[in-house]
C-alpha atoms as a PDB file:
ATOM      1  CA  UNK A   1     -70.946  39.173  41.775  1.00  0.00           C
ATOM      2  CA  UNK A   2     -69.116  36.209  40.339  1.00  0.00           C
ATOM      3  CA  UNK A   3     -67.854  34.000  43.173  1.00  0.00           C
ATOM      4  CA  UNK A   4     -66.394  31.258  40.993  1.00  0.00           C
ATOM      5  CA  UNK A   5     -63.305  33.332  40.151  1.00  0.00           C
ATOM      6  CA  UNK A   6     -62.434  33.868  43.840  1.00  0.00           C
ATOM      7  CA  UNK A   7     -63.041  30.271  44.881  1.00  0.00           C
ATOM      8  CA  UNK A   8     -59.618  28.851  43.825  1.00  0.00           C
ATOM      9  CA  UNK A   9     -57.839  31.627  45.753  1.00  0.00           C
ATOM     10  CA  UNK A  10     -59.894  30.893  48.853  1.00  0.00           C
ATOM     11  CA  UNK A  11     -59.031  27.220  48.545  1.00  0.00           C
ATOM     12  CA  UNK A  12     -55.334  28.016  48.169  1.00  0.00           C
ATOM     13  CA  UNK A  13     -55.346  30.281  51.210  1.00  0.00           C
ATOM     14  CA  UNK A  14     -57.196  27.674  53.265  1.00  0.00           C
ATOM     15  CA  UNK A  15     -54.812  24.892  52.239  1.00  0.00           C
ATOM     16  CA  UNK A  16     -51.765  27.061  52.972  1.00  0.00           C
ATOM     17  CA  UNK A  17     -53.182  27.954  56.407  1.00  0.00           C
ATOM     18  CA  UNK A  18     -53.829  24.299  57.231  1.00  0.00           C
ATOM     19  CA  UNK A  19     -50.303  23.349  56.152  1.00  0.00           C
ATOM     20  CA  UNK A  20     -48.700  26.096  58.255  1.00  0.00           C
ATOM     21  CA  UNK A  21     -50.839  25.331  61.323  1.00  0.00           C
ATOM     22  CA  UNK A  22     -50.216  21.611  60.908  1.00  0.00           C
ATOM     23  CA  UNK A  23     -46.465  22.136  60.650  1.00  0.00           C
ATOM     24  CA  UNK A  24     -46.439  24.258  63.800  1.00  0.00           C
ATOM     25  CA  UNK A  25     -48.591  21.680  65.577  1.00  0.00           C
ATOM     26  CA  UNK A  26     -46.308  18.793  64.610  1.00  0.00           C
ATOM     27  CA  UNK A  27     -43.249  20.841  65.587  1.00  0.00           C
ATOM     28  CA  UNK A  28     -44.892  21.555  68.969  1.00  0.00           C
ATOM     29  CA  UNK A  29     -45.472  17.858  69.605  1.00  0.00           C
ATOM     30  CA  UNK A  30     -42.010  16.764  68.486  1.00  0.00           C
ATOM     31  CA  UNK A  31     -39.949  19.546  70.099  1.00  0.00           C
ATOM     32  CA  UNK A  32     -41.924  21.470  72.730  1.00  0.00           C
ATOM     33  CA  UNK A  33     -38.817  23.066  74.254  1.00  0.00           C
ATOM     34  CA  UNK A  34     -37.734  24.435  70.877  1.00  0.00           C
ATOM     35  CA  UNK A  35     -41.199  25.876  70.254  1.00  0.00           C
ATOM     36  CA  UNK A  36     -41.239  27.471  73.707  1.00  0.00           C
ATOM     37  CA  UNK A  37     -37.828  29.020  73.052  1.00  0.00           C
ATOM     38  CA  UNK A  38     -38.899  30.325  69.660  1.00  0.00           C
ATOM     39  CA  UNK A  39     -42.130  31.758  71.079  1.00  0.00           C
ATOM     40  CA  UNK A  40     -40.241  33.451  73.923  1.00  0.00           C
ATOM     41  CA  UNK A  41     -37.691  34.861  71.487  1.00  0.00           C
ATOM     42  CA  UNK A  42     -40.405  36.173  69.162  1.00  0.00           C
ATOM     43  CA  UNK A  43     -42.325  37.734  72.036  1.00  0.00           C
ATOM     44  CA  UNK A  44     -39.137  39.249  73.455  1.00  0.00           C
ATOM     45  CA  UNK A  45     -38.246  40.702  70.054  1.00  0.00           C
ATOM     46  CA  UNK A  46     -41.736  42.183  69.675  1.00  0.00           C
ATOM     47  CA  UNK A  47     -41.668  43.700  73.155  1.00  0.00           C
ATOM     48  CA  UNK A  48     -38.181  45.206  72.884  1.00  0.00           C
ATOM     49  CA  UNK A  49     -38.155  46.317  69.253  1.00  0.00           C
ATOM     50  CA  UNK A  50     -41.808  47.052  68.520  1.00  0.00           C
ATOM     51  CA  UNK A  51     -42.882  47.893  72.064  1.00  0.00           C
ATOM     52  CA  UNK A  52     -45.307  50.774  71.425  1.00  0.00           C
ATOM     53  CA  UNK A  53     -46.694  49.291  68.222  1.00  0.00           C
ATOM     54  CA  UNK A  54     -47.174  45.922  69.923  1.00  0.00           C
ATOM     55  CA  UNK A  55     -48.871  47.541  72.921  1.00  0.00           C
ATOM     56  CA  UNK A  56     -51.187  49.658  70.747  1.00  0.00           C
ATOM     57  CA  UNK A  57     -52.160  46.683  68.577  1.00  0.00           C
ATOM     58  CA  UNK A  58     -52.977  44.538  71.609  1.00  0.00           C
ATOM     59  CA  UNK A  59     -54.977  47.354  73.177  1.00  0.00           C
ATOM     60  CA  UNK A  60     -56.799  47.980  69.890  1.00  0.00           C
ATOM     61  CA  UNK A  61     -57.814  44.335  69.628  1.00  0.00           C
ATOM     62  CA  UNK A  62     -59.143  44.347  73.187  1.00  0.00           C
ATOM     63  CA  UNK A  63     -61.128  47.542  72.529  1.00  0.00           C
ATOM     64  CA  UNK A  64     -62.430  46.157  69.219  1.00  0.00           C
ATOM     65  CA  UNK A  65     -63.535  42.958  70.949  1.00  0.00           C
ATOM     66  CA  UNK A  66     -65.326  44.953  73.660  1.00  0.00           C
ATOM     67  CA  UNK A  67     -67.051  47.178  71.089  1.00  0.00           C
ATOM     68  CA  UNK A  68     -68.175  44.179  69.060  1.00  0.00           C
ATOM     69  CA  UNK A  69     -69.365  42.303  72.163  1.00  0.00           C
ATOM     70  CA  UNK A  70     -71.259  45.229  73.597  1.00  0.00           C
ATOM     71  CA  UNK A  71     -72.473  46.695  70.289  1.00  0.00           C
ATOM     72  CA  UNK A  72     -75.247  45.547  67.993  1.00  0.00           C
ATOM     73  CA  UNK A  73     -73.158  42.608  66.719  1.00  0.00           C
ATOM     74  CA  UNK A  74     -72.769  41.187  70.223  1.00  0.00           C
ATOM     75  CA  UNK A  75     -76.002  39.227  70.121  1.00  0.00           C
ATOM     76  CA  UNK A  76     -76.024  38.075  66.505  1.00  0.00           C
ATOM     77  CA  UNK A  77     -78.013  34.940  65.800  1.00  0.00           C
END
């Protein structure tokens, strides 16, 4: 498997993730009330519009975490 061809894409994804997380972090420090309002609005939208999908996804992640923790991968070294 040639990993050199996928390396630039991985670097681009990492850099984009750092930029997005950094922008959200700076926004949170500069305007915490605006971030709280946006987070509440996004959560409210998800709960009213995508209620069953949102609930099933959250439940699936909890079940997946429990299966991984209690399964053979739970005590990986």
